Amino acid sequence: MRAVTFKLSERLLEELDLQASKEGRTRSEILRDAVTAYLRSGRRTRKFRVKRIILS
């Protein structure tokens, strides 16, 4: 297995660590499962959340 490095927001990392602790799993196990589920879902488009729209 190869190591992969990527960035997460502090908030997302805290949520990941909390979930890993609750489940007694590692970050890597959860992330592998998440990536596998994403790839198997066939979803290939990226969704964006709009926080605010300013019209002038």
PDB file of N, CA and C in Angstrom:
ATOM      1  N   MET A   1       0.852  -1.171   0.000  1.00  0.00           N
ATOM      2  CA  MET A   1       0.000   0.000   0.000  1.00  0.00           C
ATOM      3  C   MET A   1       0.902   1.240   0.000  1.00  0.00           C
ATOM      4  N   ARG A   2       0.507   2.259  -0.760  1.00  0.00           N
ATOM      5  CA  ARG A   2       1.297   3.491  -0.836  1.00  0.00           C
ATOM      6  C   ARG A   2       0.715   4.565   0.067  1.00  0.00           C
ATOM      7  N   ALA A   3       1.583   5.424   0.554  1.00  0.00           N
ATOM      8  CA  ALA A   3       1.168   6.560   1.377  1.00  0.00           C
ATOM      9  C   ALA A   3       0.787   7.716   0.462  1.00  0.00           C
ATOM     10  N   VAL A   4      -0.255   8.448   0.849  1.00  0.00           N
ATOM     11  CA  VAL A   4      -0.739   9.604   0.089  1.00  0.00           C
ATOM     12  C   VAL A   4      -0.886  10.767   1.065  1.00  0.00           C
ATOM     13  N   THR A   5      -0.481  11.941   0.638  1.00  0.00           N
ATOM     14  CA  THR A   5      -0.579  13.134   1.478  1.00  0.00           C
ATOM     15  C   THR A   5      -1.555  14.118   0.849  1.00  0.00           C
ATOM     16  N   PHE A   6      -2.450  14.676   1.658  1.00  0.00           N
ATOM     17  CA  PHE A   6      -3.366  15.709   1.184  1.00  0.00           C
ATOM     18  C   PHE A   6      -3.762  16.596   2.347  1.00  0.00           C
ATOM     19  N   LYS A   7      -4.415  17.700   2.049  1.00  0.00           N
ATOM     20  CA  LYS A   7      -4.770  18.680   3.071  1.00  0.00           C
ATOM     21  C   LYS A   7      -6.242  18.578   3.432  1.00  0.00           C
ATOM     22  N   LEU A   8      -6.540  18.778   4.732  1.00  0.00           N
ATOM     23  CA  LEU A   8      -7.905  18.862   5.243  1.00  0.00           C
ATOM     24  C   LEU A   8      -8.002  20.103   6.111  1.00  0.00           C
ATOM     25  N   SER A   9      -9.189  20.675   6.175  1.00  0.00           N
ATOM     26  CA  SER A   9      -9.375  21.797   7.086  1.00  0.00           C
ATOM     27  C   SER A   9      -9.246  21.289   8.520  1.00  0.00           C
ATOM     28  N   GLU A  10      -8.923  22.177   9.413  1.00  0.00           N
ATOM     29  CA  GLU A  10      -8.778  21.811  10.824  1.00  0.00           C
ATOM     30  C   GLU A  10     -10.075  21.189  11.359  1.00  0.00           C
ATOM     31  N   ARG A  11     -11.192  21.780  10.976  1.00  0.00           N
ATOM     32  CA  ARG A  11     -12.501  21.283  11.425  1.00  0.00           C
ATOM     33  C   ARG A  11     -12.759  19.862  10.931  1.00  0.00           C
ATOM     34  N   LEU A  12     -12.482  19.616   9.662  1.00  0.00           N
ATOM     35  CA  LEU A  12     -12.707  18.290   9.096  1.00  0.00           C
ATOM     36  C   LEU A  12     -11.788  17.254   9.745  1.00  0.00           C
ATOM     37  N   LEU A  13     -10.556  17.639  10.006  1.00  0.00           N
ATOM     38  CA  LEU A  13      -9.620  16.733  10.663  1.00  0.00           C
ATOM     39  C   LEU A  13     -10.087  16.396  12.083  1.00  0.00           C
ATOM     40  N   GLU A  14     -10.607  17.382  12.790  1.00  0.00           N
ATOM     41  CA  GLU A  14     -11.127  17.141  14.139  1.00  0.00           C
ATOM     42  C   GLU A  14     -12.307  16.173  14.094  1.00  0.00           C
ATOM     43  N   GLU A  15     -13.197  16.361  13.121  1.00  0.00           N
ATOM     44  CA  GLU A  15     -14.344  15.457  12.977  1.00  0.00           C
ATOM     45  C   GLU A  15     -13.883  14.039  12.638  1.00  0.00           C
ATOM     46  N   LEU A  16     -12.897  13.940  11.771  1.00  0.00           N
ATOM     47  CA  LEU A  16     -12.350  12.639  11.392  1.00  0.00           C
ATOM     48  C   LEU A  16     -11.745  11.942  12.610  1.00  0.00           C
ATOM     49  N   ASP A  17     -10.964  12.668  13.391  1.00  0.00           N
ATOM     50  CA  ASP A  17     -10.341  12.084  14.577  1.00  0.00           C
ATOM     51  C   ASP A  17     -11.383  11.647  15.605  1.00  0.00           C
ATOM     52  N   LEU A  18     -12.419  12.436  15.770  1.00  0.00           N
ATOM     53  CA  LEU A  18     -13.484  12.084  16.706  1.00  0.00           C
ATOM     54  C   LEU A  18     -14.186  10.805  16.268  1.00  0.00           C
ATOM     55  N   GLN A  19     -14.498  10.717  14.988  1.00  0.00           N
ATOM     56  CA  GLN A  19     -15.171   9.527  14.460  1.00  0.00           C
ATOM     57  C   GLN A  19     -14.265   8.305  14.571  1.00  0.00           C
ATOM     58  N   ALA A  20     -12.991   8.470  14.268  1.00  0.00           N
ATOM     59  CA  ALA A  20     -12.034   7.361  14.379  1.00  0.00           C
ATOM     60  C   ALA A  20     -11.959   6.866  15.816  1.00  0.00           C
ATOM     61  N   SER A  21     -11.952   7.785  16.748  1.00  0.00           N
ATOM     62  CA  SER A  21     -11.903   7.417  18.161  1.00  0.00           C
ATOM     63  C   SER A  21     -13.163   6.662  18.579  1.00  0.00           C
ATOM     64  N   LYS A  22     -14.323   7.144  18.147  1.00  0.00           N
ATOM     65  CA  LYS A  22     -15.600   6.490  18.482  1.00  0.00           C
ATOM     66  C   LYS A  22     -15.653   5.064  17.950  1.00  0.00           C
ATOM     67  N   GLU A  23     -15.091   4.859  16.748  1.00  0.00           N
ATOM     68  CA  GLU A  23     -15.160   3.555  16.091  1.00  0.00           C
ATOM     69  C   GLU A  23     -13.969   2.658  16.410  1.00  0.00           C
ATOM     70  N   GLY A  24     -12.958   3.206  17.082  1.00  0.00           N
ATOM     71  CA  GLY A  24     -11.761   2.433  17.371  1.00  0.00           C
ATOM     72  C   GLY A  24     -10.997   2.080  16.109  1.00  0.00           C
ATOM     73  N   ARG A  25     -10.992   3.011  15.166  1.00  0.00           N
ATOM     74  CA  ARG A  25     -10.328   2.804  13.873  1.00  0.00           C
ATOM     75  C   ARG A  25      -9.314   3.914  13.658  1.00  0.00           C
ATOM     76  N   THR A  26      -8.487   3.758  12.640  1.00  0.00           N
ATOM     77  CA  THR A  26      -7.520   4.795  12.300  1.00  0.00           C
ATOM     78  C   THR A  26      -8.113   5.749  11.263  1.00  0.00           C
ATOM     79  N   ARG A  27      -7.486   6.904  11.132  1.00  0.00           N
ATOM     80  CA  ARG A  27      -7.871   7.858  10.081  1.00  0.00           C
ATOM     81  C   ARG A  27      -7.804   7.169   8.726  1.00  0.00           C
ATOM     82  N   SER A  28      -6.717   6.448   8.510  1.00  0.00           N
ATOM     83  CA  SER A  28      -6.502   5.805   7.211  1.00  0.00           C
ATOM     84  C   SER A  28      -7.612   4.822   6.869  1.00  0.00           C
ATOM     85  N   GLU A  29      -8.057   4.047   7.841  1.00  0.00           N
ATOM     86  CA  GLU A  29      -9.139   3.087   7.583  1.00  0.00           C
ATOM     87  C   GLU A  29     -10.411   3.807   7.144  1.00  0.00           C
ATOM     88  N   ILE A  30     -10.741   4.872   7.842  1.00  0.00           N
ATOM     89  CA  ILE A  30     -11.957   5.626   7.506  1.00  0.00           C
ATOM     90  C   ILE A  30     -11.824   6.275   6.133  1.00  0.00           C
ATOM     91  N   LEU A  31     -10.672   6.869   5.852  1.00  0.00           N
ATOM     92  CA  LEU A  31     -10.475   7.521   4.558  1.00  0.00           C
ATOM     93  C   LEU A  31     -10.476   6.514   3.413  1.00  0.00           C
ATOM     94  N   ARG A  32      -9.886   5.343   3.609  1.00  0.00           N
ATOM     95  CA  ARG A  32      -9.922   4.311   2.560  1.00  0.00           C
ATOM     96  C   ARG A  32     -11.363   3.901   2.278  1.00  0.00           C
ATOM     97  N   ASP A  33     -12.134   3.690   3.338  1.00  0.00           N
ATOM     98  CA  ASP A  33     -13.543   3.324   3.150  1.00  0.00           C
ATOM     99  C   ASP A  33     -14.315   4.425   2.423  1.00  0.00           C
ATOM    100  N   ALA A  34     -14.046   5.681   2.783  1.00  0.00           N
ATOM    101  CA  ALA A  34     -14.748   6.807   2.158  1.00  0.00           C
ATOM    102  C   ALA A  34     -14.412   6.917   0.672  1.00  0.00           C
ATOM    103  N   VAL A  35     -13.147   6.776   0.326  1.00  0.00           N
ATOM    104  CA  VAL A  35     -12.739   6.858  -1.079  1.00  0.00           C
ATOM    105  C   VAL A  35     -13.318   5.687  -1.863  1.00  0.00           C
ATOM    106  N   THR A  36     -13.281   4.498  -1.284  1.00  0.00           N
ATOM    107  CA  THR A  36     -13.841   3.326  -1.950  1.00  0.00           C
ATOM    108  C   THR A  36     -15.329   3.513  -2.214  1.00  0.00           C
ATOM    109  N   ALA A  37     -16.065   3.992  -1.218  1.00  0.00           N
ATOM    110  CA  ALA A  37     -17.508   4.212  -1.378  1.00  0.00           C
ATOM    111  C   ALA A  37     -17.777   5.264  -2.446  1.00  0.00           C
ATOM    112  N   TYR A  38     -16.983   6.326  -2.461  1.00  0.00           N
ATOM    113  CA  TYR A  38     -17.147   7.384  -3.462  1.00  0.00           C
ATOM    114  C   TYR A  38     -16.931   6.832  -4.873  1.00  0.00           C
ATOM    115  N   LEU A  39     -15.868   6.077  -5.063  1.00  0.00           N
ATOM    116  CA  LEU A  39     -15.561   5.545  -6.386  1.00  0.00           C
ATOM    117  C   LEU A  39     -16.597   4.520  -6.845  1.00  0.00           C
ATOM    118  N   ARG A  40     -17.107   3.731  -5.932  1.00  0.00           N
ATOM    119  CA  ARG A  40     -18.115   2.729  -6.289  1.00  0.00           C
ATOM    120  C   ARG A  40     -19.484   3.343  -6.560  1.00  0.00           C
ATOM    121  N   SER A  41     -19.708   4.541  -6.051  1.00  0.00           N
ATOM    122  CA  SER A  41     -21.010   5.183  -6.237  1.00  0.00           C
ATOM    123  C   SER A  41     -21.211   5.674  -7.663  1.00  0.00           C
ATOM    124  N   GLY A  42     -20.109   5.805  -8.404  1.00  0.00           N
ATOM    125  CA  GLY A  42     -20.201   6.294  -9.773  1.00  0.00           C
ATOM    126  C   GLY A  42     -20.331   7.800  -9.849  1.00  0.00           C
ATOM    127  N   ARG A  43     -20.316   8.466  -8.732  1.00  0.00           N
ATOM    128  CA  ARG A  43     -20.453   9.919  -8.699  1.00  0.00           C
ATOM    129  C   ARG A  43     -19.122  10.560  -9.069  1.00  0.00           C
ATOM    130  N   ARG A  44     -19.117  11.277 -10.136  1.00  0.00           N
ATOM    131  CA  ARG A  44     -17.871  11.872 -10.597  1.00  0.00           C
ATOM    132  C   ARG A  44     -17.950  13.399 -10.725  1.00  0.00           C
ATOM    133  N   THR A  45     -19.066  13.976 -10.370  1.00  0.00           N
ATOM    134  CA  THR A  45     -19.181  15.434 -10.459  1.00  0.00           C
ATOM    135  C   THR A  45     -18.930  16.044  -9.095  1.00  0.00           C
ATOM    136  N   ARG A  46     -18.422  17.225  -9.110  1.00  0.00           N
ATOM    137  CA  ARG A  46     -18.122  17.924  -7.865  1.00  0.00           C
ATOM    138  C   ARG A  46     -19.250  18.893  -7.552  1.00  0.00           C
ATOM    139  N   LYS A  47     -19.726  18.848  -6.331  1.00  0.00           N
ATOM    140  CA  LYS A  47     -20.758  19.778  -5.906  1.00  0.00           C
ATOM    141  C   LYS A  47     -20.125  20.910  -5.119  1.00  0.00           C
ATOM    142  N   PHE A  48     -20.683  22.094  -5.291  1.00  0.00           N
ATOM    143  CA  PHE A  48     -20.210  23.262  -4.569  1.00  0.00           C
ATOM    144  C   PHE A  48     -21.340  23.802  -3.714  1.00  0.00           C
ATOM    145  N   ARG A  49     -21.005  24.221  -2.523  1.00  0.00           N
ATOM    146  CA  ARG A  49     -21.983  24.846  -1.640  1.00  0.00           C
ATOM    147  C   ARG A  49     -21.768  26.352  -1.694  1.00  0.00           C
ATOM    148  N   VAL A  50     -22.827  27.084  -1.996  1.00  0.00           N
ATOM    149  CA  VAL A  50     -22.753  28.529  -2.066  1.00  0.00           C
ATOM    150  C   VAL A  50     -23.136  29.083  -0.705  1.00  0.00           C
ATOM    151  N   LYS A  51     -22.241  29.847  -0.090  1.00  0.00           N
ATOM    152  CA  LYS A  51     -22.503  30.409   1.223  1.00  0.00           C
ATOM    153  C   LYS A  51     -23.244  31.739   1.132  1.00  0.00           C
ATOM    154  N   ARG A  52     -22.929  32.497   0.073  1.00  0.00           N
ATOM    155  CA  ARG A  52     -23.547  33.812  -0.030  1.00  0.00           C
ATOM    156  C   ARG A  52     -23.518  34.270  -1.485  1.00  0.00           C
ATOM    157  N   ILE A  53     -24.594  34.880  -1.898  1.00  0.00           N
ATOM    158  CA  ILE A  53     -24.663  35.466  -3.232  1.00  0.00           C
ATOM    159  C   ILE A  53     -24.896  36.958  -3.074  1.00  0.00           C
ATOM    160  N   ILE A  54     -24.078  37.717  -3.735  1.00  0.00           N
ATOM    161  CA  ILE A  54     -24.206  39.193  -3.677  1.00  0.00           C
ATOM    162  C   ILE A  54     -24.586  39.672  -5.058  1.00  0.00           C
ATOM    163  N   LEU A  55     -25.737  40.311  -5.153  1.00  0.00           N
ATOM    164  CA  LEU A  55     -26.189  40.880  -6.408  1.00  0.00           C
ATOM    165  C   LEU A  55     -26.051  42.395  -6.327  1.00  0.00           C
ATOM    166  N   SER A  56     -25.527  42.976  -7.394  1.00  0.00           N
ATOM    167  CA  SER A  56     -25.377  44.448  -7.359  1.00  0.00           C
ATOM    168  C   SER A  56     -26.272  45.097  -8.376  1.00  0.00           C
TER     169      SER A  56
END
